[in-house]
Structures are given as C-alpha cells and as structure tokens.
Amino acid sequence: MSNSNLNLTGNVVLSQTANHNQFIYGSQLYGTNFGIFCDFNVKELNTGKKECKIASAIVSIINYKGILDLGFLEEPTLELKAYNFGKDKKEIALVMDVKLQAIVAGKSTYSMKVNVKNNDDIINEEHLFVVKRKLIKLNEGKPNPVVDGVFEDEFYFRDGLRYTERKVTEVPEEYYFDDTYSTYPDEHPVILNKPSGKCANAINTLTIG
C-alpha cells in the first residue's frame, strides 16, 4: 500500500465542555517540527442533531526541534465552503486557511484569534475540518533572501555569495493532488516535478457534543 492511500485523518471535538487547545495540524519547515493547536468557542450546541455553531476560536503554534520558530502572519480564516477532496469529490467542508512566517522576520506571532467568516454557519459531523497552510517568505517583497543573518532556504539555494530562487510550482486554489502527484481539474493538469508553495492539507473528522 502506498502512503497516498492511507487516508489519514485526525479528530476535533466541538463541545461547550471541551475548552482546551486541540491539535489540528503538524509539519516541518526550516528543519523545525511544529504543531498548530486551536481552542474553539462553541455556541448553540444541539447534541441530539450533532450540530453547533462556532462563535470564535484562537490558534497557537508550538515549535519543537529546529533552529527557527514559525508564527502566524495574519488571522487565519475559518468558513464553510466547497473543497476538492478528489476527482468528482467536491464537498462542503469547514476550512481553515493559515499563513505562516518565521518569527525572525519580525511580523508573525505565536498565537492569534481566528477570523470566523460566519459564526451563524451550522456545523455538523458530516463536515470534515480541513487546515490549509501557506508559508510566506522571510524576505517577502524584498530581493535579498538574507534576513537578520538568516538565509531563506525554503525558497532559495545558495553557494557562497551566489544564490538562486527555487523553481516553485504554482498550484491553483481549486486544485487537489492525486496519487501520482498530478493535479486536477483534468483540463489543466499540473505535474509537481518541482516544489510547490503548498503543503499537504490536514483533514480532521468532527465530533460534536
């Protein structure tokens, strides 16, 4: 069995008694392993129908082994919207979009409130919770990839005083990855023969009540 067929998911509990930070995403950047956690504030909980609304949320990041800390560059957004889970598998999901940047750039922070787009959306256990992470360059908007003595090696290569930008595949927002690391829609496939600015998304099931 290939790793792409494992169908890995986590689980998040939405409850008025589950007032704690829950793990929702983990990855590695700049050699640093990190985890993202979220504390959900739930309202109008209906345990019979397994439904609720999300009044607010706060995310936090924990950086484990590694030399650079990651932080949130701007408020993550959270909303119910269509999401491509695969070919002919577009479904409504609870989607959180997260932008990260290394703390050394001086613009990101370890904890931030979430921008809940519509806190009257009714969430149920049929919805999957997807976390999408995008990394922003250390030197975003600047030509020099060295920031406060730190070289941006996620987006550049270097040899002495010479450096060159890594060629990054632009993957449109509505695309998803198949088992061969091609993307759909079929009419505009993108073959990932070089790194992309996107990381694999985290998919979590929801338990309400």
N, C-alpha and C. Protein backbone atom coordinates (compact mmCIF):
# COMPACT_ATOMS: atom_id res chain seq x y z
N MET A 1 0.85 -1.19 0.00
CA MET A 1 0.00 0.00 0.00
C MET A 1 0.88 1.24 0.00
N SER A 2 0.60 2.18 -0.89
CA SER A 2 1.35 3.43 -0.92
C SER A 2 0.85 4.35 0.18
N ASN A 3 1.73 5.28 0.62
CA ASN A 3 1.34 6.21 1.66
C ASN A 3 0.16 7.06 1.25
N SER A 4 0.00 7.32 -0.07
CA SER A 4 -1.07 8.19 -0.54
C SER A 4 -2.45 7.55 -0.39
N ASN A 5 -2.48 6.23 -0.11
CA ASN A 5 -3.76 5.54 0.05
C ASN A 5 -4.14 5.31 1.50
N LEU A 6 -3.39 5.88 2.44
CA LEU A 6 -3.65 5.62 3.85
C LEU A 6 -4.87 6.37 4.37
N ASN A 7 -5.26 7.47 3.72
CA ASN A 7 -6.45 8.23 4.12
C ASN A 7 -6.37 8.64 5.59
N LEU A 8 -5.29 9.34 5.93
CA LEU A 8 -5.04 9.73 7.32
C LEU A 8 -5.92 10.91 7.72
N THR A 9 -6.52 10.83 8.90
CA THR A 9 -7.32 11.93 9.44
C THR A 9 -7.06 12.07 10.93
N GLY A 10 -7.32 13.26 11.43
CA GLY A 10 -7.33 13.49 12.87
C GLY A 10 -8.77 13.64 13.32
N ASN A 11 -8.94 14.10 14.55
CA ASN A 11 -10.29 14.31 15.07
C ASN A 11 -10.30 15.54 15.97
N VAL A 12 -11.34 16.35 15.82
CA VAL A 12 -11.53 17.55 16.63
C VAL A 12 -12.89 17.48 17.29
N VAL A 13 -12.93 17.79 18.58
CA VAL A 13 -14.18 17.77 19.34
C VAL A 13 -14.70 19.20 19.47
N LEU A 14 -15.93 19.42 19.04
CA LEU A 14 -16.60 20.71 19.21
C LEU A 14 -17.64 20.55 20.30
N SER A 15 -17.35 21.13 21.46
CA SER A 15 -18.21 20.96 22.62
C SER A 15 -18.05 22.16 23.53
N GLN A 16 -19.09 22.47 24.26
CA GLN A 16 -19.02 23.58 25.21
C GLN A 16 -18.24 23.20 26.46
N THR A 17 -17.91 21.92 26.60
CA THR A 17 -17.10 21.48 27.74
C THR A 17 -15.66 21.19 27.33
N ALA A 18 -15.39 21.17 26.02
CA ALA A 18 -14.03 20.88 25.54
C ALA A 18 -13.26 22.17 25.33
N ASN A 19 -13.12 22.94 26.42
CA ASN A 19 -12.43 24.22 26.33
C ASN A 19 -10.92 24.03 26.49
N HIS A 20 -10.29 23.57 25.46
CA HIS A 20 -8.86 23.36 25.51
C HIS A 20 -8.30 23.43 24.09
N ASN A 21 -6.99 23.58 23.99
CA ASN A 21 -6.33 23.63 22.70
C ASN A 21 -6.20 22.22 22.12
N GLN A 22 -6.72 22.03 20.92
CA GLN A 22 -6.68 20.74 20.26
C GLN A 22 -5.73 20.79 19.07
N PHE A 23 -4.96 19.72 18.92
CA PHE A 23 -4.03 19.63 17.80
C PHE A 23 -4.80 19.53 16.48
N ILE A 24 -4.47 20.41 15.51
CA ILE A 24 -5.18 20.38 14.23
C ILE A 24 -4.24 20.24 13.03
N TYR A 25 -2.93 20.48 13.22
CA TYR A 25 -2.02 20.44 12.07
C TYR A 25 -0.58 20.31 12.54
N GLY A 26 0.22 19.53 11.82
CA GLY A 26 1.64 19.42 12.10
C GLY A 26 2.44 19.31 10.83
N SER A 27 3.65 19.87 10.83
CA SER A 27 4.51 19.79 9.65
C SER A 27 5.93 20.17 10.04
N GLN A 28 6.78 20.39 9.03
CA GLN A 28 8.16 20.79 9.26
C GLN A 28 8.58 21.83 8.23
N LEU A 29 9.18 22.91 8.70
CA LEU A 29 9.73 23.96 7.85
C LEU A 29 11.06 24.43 8.43
N TYR A 30 12.01 24.73 7.59
CA TYR A 30 13.34 25.16 8.03
C TYR A 30 13.97 24.16 9.01
N GLY A 31 13.59 22.90 8.90
CA GLY A 31 14.09 21.90 9.82
C GLY A 31 13.43 21.91 11.17
N THR A 32 12.40 22.74 11.35
CA THR A 32 11.68 22.83 12.62
C THR A 32 10.37 22.07 12.55
N ASN A 33 10.19 21.12 13.46
CA ASN A 33 8.91 20.44 13.59
C ASN A 33 7.98 21.31 14.42
N PHE A 34 6.75 21.49 13.96
CA PHE A 34 5.83 22.35 14.69
C PHE A 34 4.42 21.78 14.67
N GLY A 35 3.63 22.19 15.64
CA GLY A 35 2.23 21.78 15.69
C GLY A 35 1.34 23.00 15.89
N ILE A 36 0.19 22.99 15.24
CA ILE A 36 -0.79 24.07 15.40
C ILE A 36 -1.97 23.53 16.20
N PHE A 37 -2.40 24.32 17.18
CA PHE A 37 -3.49 23.95 18.08
C PHE A 37 -4.58 25.01 18.02
N CYS A 38 -5.82 24.60 18.29
CA CYS A 38 -6.93 25.55 18.23
C CYS A 38 -7.87 25.34 19.42
N ASP A 39 -8.29 26.45 20.01
CA ASP A 39 -9.28 26.45 21.08
C ASP A 39 -10.57 27.03 20.50
N PHE A 40 -11.59 26.18 20.34
CA PHE A 40 -12.86 26.57 19.74
C PHE A 40 -13.85 27.00 20.81
N ASN A 41 -14.55 28.10 20.57
CA ASN A 41 -15.64 28.55 21.43
C ASN A 41 -16.94 28.24 20.70
N VAL A 42 -17.69 27.27 21.21
CA VAL A 42 -18.88 26.75 20.53
C VAL A 42 -20.14 27.37 21.13
N LYS A 43 -21.13 27.63 20.26
CA LYS A 43 -22.42 28.14 20.73
C LYS A 43 -23.54 27.34 20.07
N GLU A 44 -24.74 27.46 20.66
CA GLU A 44 -25.96 26.82 20.12
C GLU A 44 -25.72 25.34 19.80
N LEU A 45 -25.15 24.65 20.77
CA LEU A 45 -24.88 23.22 20.62
C LEU A 45 -26.17 22.42 20.68
N ASN A 46 -26.38 21.55 19.70
CA ASN A 46 -27.52 20.64 19.68
C ASN A 46 -26.98 19.22 19.67
N THR A 47 -26.93 18.60 20.85
CA THR A 47 -26.32 17.27 20.95
C THR A 47 -27.16 16.20 20.27
N GLY A 48 -28.47 16.43 20.19
CA GLY A 48 -29.33 15.47 19.52
C GLY A 48 -29.06 15.40 18.02
N LYS A 49 -28.98 16.57 17.39
CA LYS A 49 -28.71 16.63 15.95
C LYS A 49 -27.23 16.62 15.62
N LYS A 50 -26.38 16.67 16.65
CA LYS A 50 -24.92 16.73 16.47
C LYS A 50 -24.56 17.96 15.62
N GLU A 51 -25.09 19.12 16.04
CA GLU A 51 -24.84 20.37 15.35
C GLU A 51 -24.39 21.44 16.33
N CYS A 52 -23.69 22.43 15.80
CA CYS A 52 -23.30 23.57 16.62
C CYS A 52 -22.88 24.72 15.71
N LYS A 53 -22.61 25.85 16.33
CA LYS A 53 -22.03 26.99 15.63
C LYS A 53 -20.73 27.35 16.34
N ILE A 54 -19.79 27.91 15.59
CA ILE A 54 -18.52 28.32 16.17
C ILE A 54 -18.55 29.83 16.37
N ALA A 55 -18.55 30.24 17.63
CA ALA A 55 -18.61 31.67 17.94
C ALA A 55 -17.27 32.35 17.72
N SER A 56 -16.20 31.67 18.10
CA SER A 56 -14.86 32.23 17.97
C SER A 56 -13.84 31.12 18.13
N ALA A 57 -12.59 31.44 17.86
CA ALA A 57 -11.52 30.46 18.01
C ALA A 57 -10.18 31.18 18.11
N ILE A 58 -9.24 30.54 18.77
CA ILE A 58 -7.88 31.06 18.90
C ILE A 58 -6.91 29.95 18.53
N VAL A 59 -5.92 30.27 17.70
CA VAL A 59 -4.90 29.29 17.31
C VAL A 59 -3.58 29.62 18.00
N SER A 60 -2.81 28.57 18.27
CA SER A 60 -1.48 28.70 18.85
C SER A 60 -0.55 27.74 18.13
N ILE A 61 0.73 28.07 18.11
CA ILE A 61 1.71 27.22 17.46
C ILE A 61 2.80 26.86 18.46
N ILE A 62 3.20 25.59 18.46
CA ILE A 62 4.30 25.11 19.29
C ILE A 62 5.42 24.65 18.35
N ASN A 63 6.61 25.22 18.52
CA ASN A 63 7.77 24.82 17.74
C ASN A 63 8.60 23.84 18.55
N TYR A 64 8.88 22.70 17.95
CA TYR A 64 9.63 21.66 18.65
C TYR A 64 11.10 21.74 18.22
N LYS A 65 11.72 20.67 17.84
CA LYS A 65 13.13 20.69 17.47
C LYS A 65 13.35 21.49 16.18
N GLY A 66 14.40 22.31 16.16
CA GLY A 66 14.71 23.13 15.00
C GLY A 66 15.24 24.48 15.44
N ILE A 67 15.86 25.21 14.53
CA ILE A 67 16.53 26.46 14.91
C ILE A 67 15.66 27.70 14.67
N LEU A 68 14.62 27.60 13.84
CA LEU A 68 13.77 28.75 13.56
C LEU A 68 12.35 28.49 14.05
N ASP A 69 11.77 29.46 14.74
CA ASP A 69 10.37 29.38 15.15
C ASP A 69 9.47 29.88 14.03
N LEU A 70 8.31 29.24 13.90
CA LEU A 70 7.27 29.68 12.97
C LEU A 70 6.16 30.37 13.75
N GLY A 71 5.49 31.32 13.10
CA GLY A 71 4.37 32.00 13.72
C GLY A 71 3.31 32.36 12.70
N PHE A 72 2.17 32.87 13.17
CA PHE A 72 1.06 33.25 12.30
C PHE A 72 1.30 34.67 11.78
N LEU A 73 1.22 34.83 10.47
CA LEU A 73 1.45 36.13 9.86
C LEU A 73 0.21 37.01 9.91
N GLU A 74 -0.96 36.39 9.81
CA GLU A 74 -2.22 37.13 9.85
C GLU A 74 -3.30 36.21 10.39
N GLU A 75 -4.45 36.78 10.71
CA GLU A 75 -5.54 35.98 11.26
C GLU A 75 -5.93 34.85 10.31
N PRO A 76 -5.90 33.60 10.76
CA PRO A 76 -6.44 32.52 9.94
C PRO A 76 -7.93 32.73 9.71
N THR A 77 -8.42 32.30 8.58
CA THR A 77 -9.85 32.38 8.30
C THR A 77 -10.48 31.00 8.48
N LEU A 78 -11.73 30.97 8.90
CA LEU A 78 -12.46 29.73 9.11
C LEU A 78 -13.85 29.89 8.53
N GLU A 79 -14.21 28.99 7.60
CA GLU A 79 -15.54 29.09 6.99
C GLU A 79 -15.97 27.78 6.36
N LEU A 80 -17.28 27.61 6.23
CA LEU A 80 -17.85 26.50 5.47
C LEU A 80 -17.79 26.86 3.99
N LYS A 81 -17.16 26.01 3.19
CA LYS A 81 -17.10 26.28 1.75
C LYS A 81 -16.78 25.00 0.99
N ALA A 82 -16.94 25.06 -0.32
CA ALA A 82 -16.66 23.90 -1.17
C ALA A 82 -15.16 23.60 -1.16
N TYR A 83 -14.83 22.31 -1.08
CA TYR A 83 -13.44 21.89 -1.04
C TYR A 83 -13.28 20.64 -1.89
N ASN A 84 -12.21 20.58 -2.68
CA ASN A 84 -11.94 19.43 -3.54
C ASN A 84 -11.22 18.34 -2.75
N PHE A 85 -11.92 17.23 -2.46
CA PHE A 85 -11.30 16.09 -1.80
C PHE A 85 -10.75 15.09 -2.81
N GLY A 86 -11.04 15.29 -4.07
CA GLY A 86 -10.59 14.38 -5.12
C GLY A 86 -11.41 14.59 -6.36
N LYS A 87 -11.11 13.82 -7.37
CA LYS A 87 -11.85 13.94 -8.62
C LYS A 87 -13.32 13.64 -8.40
N ASP A 88 -14.18 14.57 -8.77
CA ASP A 88 -15.63 14.45 -8.57
C ASP A 88 -16.00 14.30 -7.09
N LYS A 89 -15.18 14.87 -6.20
CA LYS A 89 -15.43 14.76 -4.76
C LYS A 89 -15.41 16.14 -4.10
N LYS A 90 -16.02 17.11 -4.73
CA LYS A 90 -16.12 18.43 -4.12
C LYS A 90 -17.26 18.42 -3.11
N GLU A 91 -16.95 18.78 -1.87
CA GLU A 91 -17.94 18.77 -0.81
C GLU A 91 -17.82 20.04 0.03
N ILE A 92 -18.87 20.34 0.78
CA ILE A 92 -18.82 21.46 1.72
C ILE A 92 -18.04 20.99 2.96
N ALA A 93 -17.03 21.76 3.34
CA ALA A 93 -16.19 21.41 4.48
C ALA A 93 -15.94 22.66 5.32
N LEU A 94 -15.53 22.45 6.55
CA LEU A 94 -15.08 23.54 7.42
C LEU A 94 -13.60 23.73 7.14
N VAL A 95 -13.24 24.86 6.55
CA VAL A 95 -11.88 25.07 6.05
C VAL A 95 -11.21 26.22 6.79
N MET A 96 -10.01 25.95 7.30
CA MET A 96 -9.20 26.99 7.92
C MET A 96 -7.98 27.25 7.05
N ASP A 97 -7.79 28.50 6.65
CA ASP A 97 -6.62 28.92 5.87
C ASP A 97 -5.63 29.61 6.80
N VAL A 98 -4.39 29.11 6.81
CA VAL A 98 -3.36 29.60 7.72
C VAL A 98 -2.14 30.07 6.94
N LYS A 99 -1.66 31.26 7.25
CA LYS A 99 -0.41 31.76 6.67
C LYS A 99 0.65 31.85 7.77
N LEU A 100 1.79 31.21 7.51
CA LEU A 100 2.88 31.19 8.47
C LEU A 100 4.11 31.91 7.93
N GLN A 101 4.91 32.44 8.85
CA GLN A 101 6.19 33.01 8.50
C GLN A 101 7.12 32.83 9.70
N ALA A 102 8.41 32.69 9.44
CA ALA A 102 9.36 32.55 10.53
C ALA A 102 9.34 33.80 11.41
N ILE A 103 9.41 33.60 12.72
CA ILE A 103 9.34 34.70 13.69
C ILE A 103 10.46 35.71 13.47
N VAL A 104 11.62 35.26 12.98
CA VAL A 104 12.77 36.14 12.82
C VAL A 104 12.50 37.29 11.86
N ALA A 105 11.50 37.13 10.98
CA ALA A 105 11.15 38.21 10.04
C ALA A 105 10.48 39.38 10.77
N GLY A 106 10.05 39.17 12.00
CA GLY A 106 9.51 40.25 12.81
C GLY A 106 8.07 40.61 12.57
N LYS A 107 7.32 39.77 11.86
CA LYS A 107 5.94 40.10 11.52
C LYS A 107 4.92 39.09 12.04
N SER A 108 5.36 37.93 12.47
CA SER A 108 4.43 36.87 12.87
C SER A 108 4.42 36.71 14.39
N THR A 109 3.45 35.95 14.88
CA THR A 109 3.27 35.78 16.32
C THR A 109 2.84 34.35 16.64
N TYR A 110 3.01 33.95 17.90
CA TYR A 110 2.77 32.56 18.29
C TYR A 110 1.29 32.23 18.51
N SER A 111 0.46 33.22 18.71
CA SER A 111 -0.96 32.97 18.95
C SER A 111 -1.78 34.08 18.32
N MET A 112 -2.97 33.73 17.85
CA MET A 112 -3.79 34.72 17.15
C MET A 112 -5.24 34.27 17.13
N LYS A 113 -6.15 35.22 17.19
CA LYS A 113 -7.56 34.85 17.06
C LYS A 113 -7.88 34.53 15.60
N VAL A 114 -8.88 33.70 15.43
CA VAL A 114 -9.29 33.26 14.10
C VAL A 114 -10.42 34.14 13.58
N ASN A 115 -10.37 34.46 12.31
CA ASN A 115 -11.44 35.21 11.66
C ASN A 115 -12.52 34.22 11.22
N VAL A 116 -13.55 34.05 12.08
CA VAL A 116 -14.67 33.16 11.74
C VAL A 116 -15.57 33.94 10.79
N LYS A 117 -15.60 33.51 9.53
CA LYS A 117 -16.28 34.29 8.49
C LYS A 117 -17.78 34.44 8.75
N ASN A 118 -18.41 33.38 9.25
CA ASN A 118 -19.86 33.46 9.54
C ASN A 118 -20.14 32.60 10.75
N ASN A 119 -20.27 33.23 11.93
CA ASN A 119 -20.47 32.42 13.13
C ASN A 119 -21.90 31.94 13.30
N ASP A 120 -22.73 32.13 12.26
CA ASP A 120 -24.06 31.53 12.24
C ASP A 120 -24.14 30.30 11.35
N ASP A 121 -23.02 29.91 10.74
CA ASP A 121 -22.99 28.67 9.97
C ASP A 121 -23.22 27.49 10.90
N ILE A 122 -24.06 26.56 10.48
CA ILE A 122 -24.35 25.36 11.28
C ILE A 122 -23.37 24.26 10.88
N ILE A 123 -22.57 23.82 11.85
CA ILE A 123 -21.58 22.77 11.63
C ILE A 123 -22.14 21.46 12.12
N ASN A 124 -21.96 20.37 11.36
CA ASN A 124 -22.38 19.06 11.82
C ASN A 124 -21.27 18.03 11.58
N GLU A 125 -21.50 16.81 12.05
CA GLU A 125 -20.46 15.78 11.97
C GLU A 125 -20.24 15.25 10.55
N GLU A 126 -21.10 15.62 9.62
CA GLU A 126 -20.88 15.24 8.22
C GLU A 126 -19.79 16.09 7.59
N HIS A 127 -19.53 17.25 8.17
CA HIS A 127 -18.48 18.12 7.63
C HIS A 127 -17.10 17.63 8.09
N LEU A 128 -16.15 17.67 7.18
CA LEU A 128 -14.76 17.45 7.54
C LEU A 128 -14.11 18.81 7.80
N PHE A 129 -13.12 18.83 8.66
CA PHE A 129 -12.40 20.05 9.01
C PHE A 129 -11.02 20.01 8.36
N VAL A 130 -10.79 20.95 7.44
CA VAL A 130 -9.55 20.97 6.65
C VAL A 130 -8.71 22.17 7.06
N VAL A 131 -7.41 21.93 7.30
CA VAL A 131 -6.48 23.01 7.60
C VAL A 131 -5.50 23.14 6.43
N LYS A 132 -5.48 24.32 5.83
CA LYS A 132 -4.61 24.61 4.69
C LYS A 132 -3.54 25.59 5.13
N ARG A 133 -2.29 25.20 4.92
CA ARG A 133 -1.17 26.03 5.38
C ARG A 133 -0.38 26.59 4.19
N LYS A 134 -0.08 27.88 4.25
CA LYS A 134 0.78 28.50 3.24
C LYS A 134 1.94 29.19 3.95
N LEU A 135 3.16 28.97 3.45
CA LEU A 135 4.35 29.61 4.02
C LEU A 135 4.67 30.88 3.24
N ILE A 136 4.91 31.97 3.97
CA ILE A 136 5.31 33.24 3.37
C ILE A 136 6.82 33.42 3.56
N LYS A 137 7.49 33.86 2.51
CA LYS A 137 8.95 34.01 2.55
C LYS A 137 9.40 34.92 3.69
N LEU A 138 10.60 34.65 4.21
CA LEU A 138 11.23 35.56 5.16
C LEU A 138 11.38 36.95 4.56
N ASN A 139 11.79 36.97 3.30
CA ASN A 139 12.09 38.24 2.61
C ASN A 139 10.95 38.67 1.70
N GLU A 140 9.73 38.36 2.07
CA GLU A 140 8.57 38.69 1.23
C GLU A 140 8.62 40.16 0.80
N GLY A 141 8.59 40.38 -0.52
CA GLY A 141 8.61 41.74 -1.07
C GLY A 141 10.00 42.35 -1.17
N LYS A 142 11.03 41.60 -0.80
CA LYS A 142 12.40 42.11 -0.86
C LYS A 142 13.27 41.17 -1.68
N PRO A 143 14.28 41.70 -2.40
CA PRO A 143 15.11 40.85 -3.26
C PRO A 143 16.14 40.03 -2.50
N ASN A 144 16.60 40.50 -1.36
CA ASN A 144 17.68 39.83 -0.63
C ASN A 144 17.12 38.71 0.24
N PRO A 145 17.53 37.44 0.01
CA PRO A 145 16.99 36.32 0.78
C PRO A 145 17.61 36.15 2.16
N VAL A 146 18.47 37.08 2.58
CA VAL A 146 19.05 37.03 3.93
C VAL A 146 18.35 38.08 4.80
N VAL A 147 17.75 37.61 5.90
CA VAL A 147 17.03 38.49 6.82
C VAL A 147 17.63 38.34 8.21
N ASP A 148 18.22 39.41 8.72
CA ASP A 148 18.87 39.38 10.04
C ASP A 148 19.82 38.21 10.19
N GLY A 149 20.61 37.98 9.12
CA GLY A 149 21.62 36.93 9.16
C GLY A 149 21.08 35.53 8.92
N VAL A 150 19.79 35.41 8.58
CA VAL A 150 19.18 34.10 8.32
C VAL A 150 18.87 33.98 6.84
N PHE A 151 19.38 32.90 6.20
CA PHE A 151 19.13 32.69 4.77
C PHE A 151 17.82 31.95 4.57
N GLU A 152 17.01 32.42 3.62
CA GLU A 152 15.70 31.83 3.31
C GLU A 152 15.91 30.58 2.44
N ASP A 153 16.08 29.42 3.10
CA ASP A 153 16.40 28.22 2.32
C ASP A 153 15.20 27.38 1.93
N GLU A 154 14.00 27.81 2.30
CA GLU A 154 12.81 27.12 1.80
C GLU A 154 12.49 27.55 0.37
N PHE A 155 12.94 28.74 -0.02
CA PHE A 155 12.61 29.28 -1.34
C PHE A 155 13.84 29.55 -2.21
N TYR A 156 15.07 29.42 -1.64
CA TYR A 156 16.29 29.72 -2.39
C TYR A 156 17.36 28.66 -2.14
N PHE A 157 18.27 28.50 -3.13
CA PHE A 157 19.52 27.78 -2.96
C PHE A 157 20.64 28.81 -2.90
N ARG A 158 21.78 28.45 -2.27
CA ARG A 158 22.92 29.36 -2.33
C ARG A 158 24.24 28.59 -2.32
N ASP A 159 25.26 29.25 -2.86
CA ASP A 159 26.63 28.74 -2.86
C ASP A 159 27.54 29.95 -2.69
N GLY A 160 28.02 30.16 -1.47
CA GLY A 160 28.82 31.34 -1.20
C GLY A 160 27.99 32.60 -1.33
N LEU A 161 28.47 33.53 -2.15
CA LEU A 161 27.75 34.80 -2.34
C LEU A 161 26.68 34.70 -3.41
N ARG A 162 26.63 33.56 -4.09
CA ARG A 162 25.64 33.39 -5.15
C ARG A 162 24.40 32.68 -4.59
N TYR A 163 23.24 33.09 -5.08
CA TYR A 163 22.01 32.41 -4.70
C TYR A 163 21.05 32.42 -5.88
N THR A 164 20.16 31.49 -5.89
CA THR A 164 19.14 31.43 -6.93
C THR A 164 17.83 30.96 -6.32
N GLU A 165 16.74 31.46 -6.85
CA GLU A 165 15.43 31.11 -6.33
C GLU A 165 15.06 29.70 -6.74
N ARG A 166 14.51 28.95 -5.80
CA ARG A 166 13.99 27.63 -6.14
C ARG A 166 12.82 27.80 -7.10
N LYS A 167 12.73 26.95 -8.09
CA LYS A 167 11.59 26.98 -9.00
C LYS A 167 10.40 26.33 -8.32
N VAL A 168 9.37 27.11 -8.13
CA VAL A 168 8.21 26.65 -7.37
C VAL A 168 7.01 26.49 -8.31
N THR A 169 6.34 25.34 -8.21
CA THR A 169 5.14 25.10 -9.00
C THR A 169 3.97 25.89 -8.43
N GLU A 170 3.32 26.66 -9.27
CA GLU A 170 2.12 27.38 -8.84
C GLU A 170 0.92 26.45 -8.99
N VAL A 171 0.29 26.16 -7.87
CA VAL A 171 -0.87 25.26 -7.88
C VAL A 171 -2.12 26.08 -7.57
N PRO A 172 -3.05 26.18 -8.51
CA PRO A 172 -4.26 26.98 -8.28
C PRO A 172 -5.05 26.51 -7.07
N GLU A 173 -5.79 27.42 -6.47
CA GLU A 173 -6.50 27.17 -5.23
C GLU A 173 -7.47 26.00 -5.34
N GLU A 174 -8.13 25.85 -6.49
CA GLU A 174 -9.17 24.84 -6.60
C GLU A 174 -8.63 23.45 -6.93
N TYR A 175 -7.30 23.30 -7.06
CA TYR A 175 -6.73 22.02 -7.44
C TYR A 175 -6.52 21.12 -6.22
N TYR A 176 -6.47 19.80 -6.49
CA TYR A 176 -6.12 18.84 -5.45
C TYR A 176 -5.11 17.88 -6.04
N PHE A 177 -4.45 17.09 -5.19
CA PHE A 177 -3.41 16.17 -5.64
C PHE A 177 -3.95 14.76 -5.73
N ASP A 178 -3.56 14.05 -6.79
CA ASP A 178 -3.92 12.64 -6.87
C ASP A 178 -2.72 11.79 -6.45
N ASP A 179 -2.84 10.45 -6.58
CA ASP A 179 -1.79 9.56 -6.09
C ASP A 179 -0.49 9.68 -6.85
N THR A 180 -0.52 10.24 -8.05
CA THR A 180 0.71 10.39 -8.84
C THR A 180 1.29 11.79 -8.71
N TYR A 181 0.71 12.58 -7.80
CA TYR A 181 1.12 13.96 -7.58
C TYR A 181 0.86 14.84 -8.79
N SER A 182 -0.09 14.40 -9.62
CA SER A 182 -0.65 15.28 -10.63
C SER A 182 -1.79 16.01 -9.97
N THR A 183 -2.33 17.01 -10.65
CA THR A 183 -3.45 17.73 -10.07
C THR A 183 -4.61 17.78 -11.05
N TYR A 184 -5.78 18.00 -10.50
CA TYR A 184 -6.98 18.19 -11.28
C TYR A 184 -7.50 19.58 -11.02
N PRO A 185 -8.33 20.17 -11.83
CA PRO A 185 -9.15 19.60 -12.90
C PRO A 185 -8.34 19.06 -14.08
N ASP A 186 -8.94 18.06 -14.76
CA ASP A 186 -8.26 17.37 -15.86
C ASP A 186 -7.84 18.29 -16.99
N GLU A 187 -8.65 19.33 -17.25
CA GLU A 187 -8.36 20.16 -18.42
C GLU A 187 -7.11 21.01 -18.24
N HIS A 188 -6.67 21.18 -16.99
CA HIS A 188 -5.46 21.96 -16.74
C HIS A 188 -4.58 21.25 -15.72
N PRO A 189 -4.03 20.06 -16.06
CA PRO A 189 -3.21 19.33 -15.09
C PRO A 189 -1.89 20.04 -14.81
N VAL A 190 -1.40 19.88 -13.60
CA VAL A 190 -0.10 20.41 -13.21
C VAL A 190 0.71 19.26 -12.63
N ILE A 191 1.89 18.99 -13.19
CA ILE A 191 2.73 17.93 -12.70
C ILE A 191 3.74 18.52 -11.72
N LEU A 192 3.77 17.99 -10.51
CA LEU A 192 4.64 18.57 -9.48
C LEU A 192 6.05 17.98 -9.59
N ASN A 193 6.78 18.42 -10.63
CA ASN A 193 8.16 17.97 -10.78
C ASN A 193 9.14 18.92 -10.11
N LYS A 194 8.63 19.86 -9.37
CA LYS A 194 9.44 20.76 -8.55
C LYS A 194 8.59 21.18 -7.36
N PRO A 195 9.19 21.73 -6.31
CA PRO A 195 8.42 22.06 -5.10
C PRO A 195 7.29 23.04 -5.38
N SER A 196 6.27 22.99 -4.53
CA SER A 196 5.19 23.97 -4.63
C SER A 196 5.12 24.76 -3.34
N GLY A 197 4.44 25.88 -3.37
CA GLY A 197 4.29 26.70 -2.17
C GLY A 197 3.28 26.15 -1.20
N LYS A 198 2.61 25.07 -1.59
CA LYS A 198 1.59 24.48 -0.73
C LYS A 198 2.12 23.21 -0.06
N CYS A 199 1.60 22.93 1.11
CA CYS A 199 1.91 21.69 1.80
C CYS A 199 0.63 20.85 1.82
N ALA A 200 0.80 19.56 2.07
CA ALA A 200 -0.38 18.71 2.18
C ALA A 200 -1.30 19.24 3.26
N ASN A 201 -2.60 19.28 2.97
CA ASN A 201 -3.56 19.79 3.94
C ASN A 201 -3.85 18.75 5.01
N ALA A 202 -4.22 19.21 6.20
CA ALA A 202 -4.64 18.30 7.27
C ALA A 202 -6.15 18.15 7.21
N ILE A 203 -6.62 16.91 7.33
CA ILE A 203 -8.05 16.64 7.30
C ILE A 203 -8.46 15.98 8.61
N ASN A 204 -9.45 16.56 9.28
CA ASN A 204 -9.92 16.08 10.57
C ASN A 204 -11.42 15.78 10.51
N THR A 205 -11.82 14.72 11.16
CA THR A 205 -13.24 14.49 11.36
C THR A 205 -13.70 15.32 12.56
N LEU A 206 -15.00 15.52 12.68
CA LEU A 206 -15.56 16.32 13.77
C LEU A 206 -16.43 15.46 14.68
N THR A 207 -16.27 15.63 15.96
CA THR A 207 -17.16 15.04 16.95
C THR A 207 -17.85 16.20 17.69
N ILE A 208 -19.17 16.21 17.66
CA ILE A 208 -19.93 17.32 18.25
C ILE A 208 -20.75 16.82 19.42
N GLY A 209 -20.58 17.48 20.56
CA GLY A 209 -21.35 17.10 21.72
C GLY A 209 -20.52 16.97 22.97
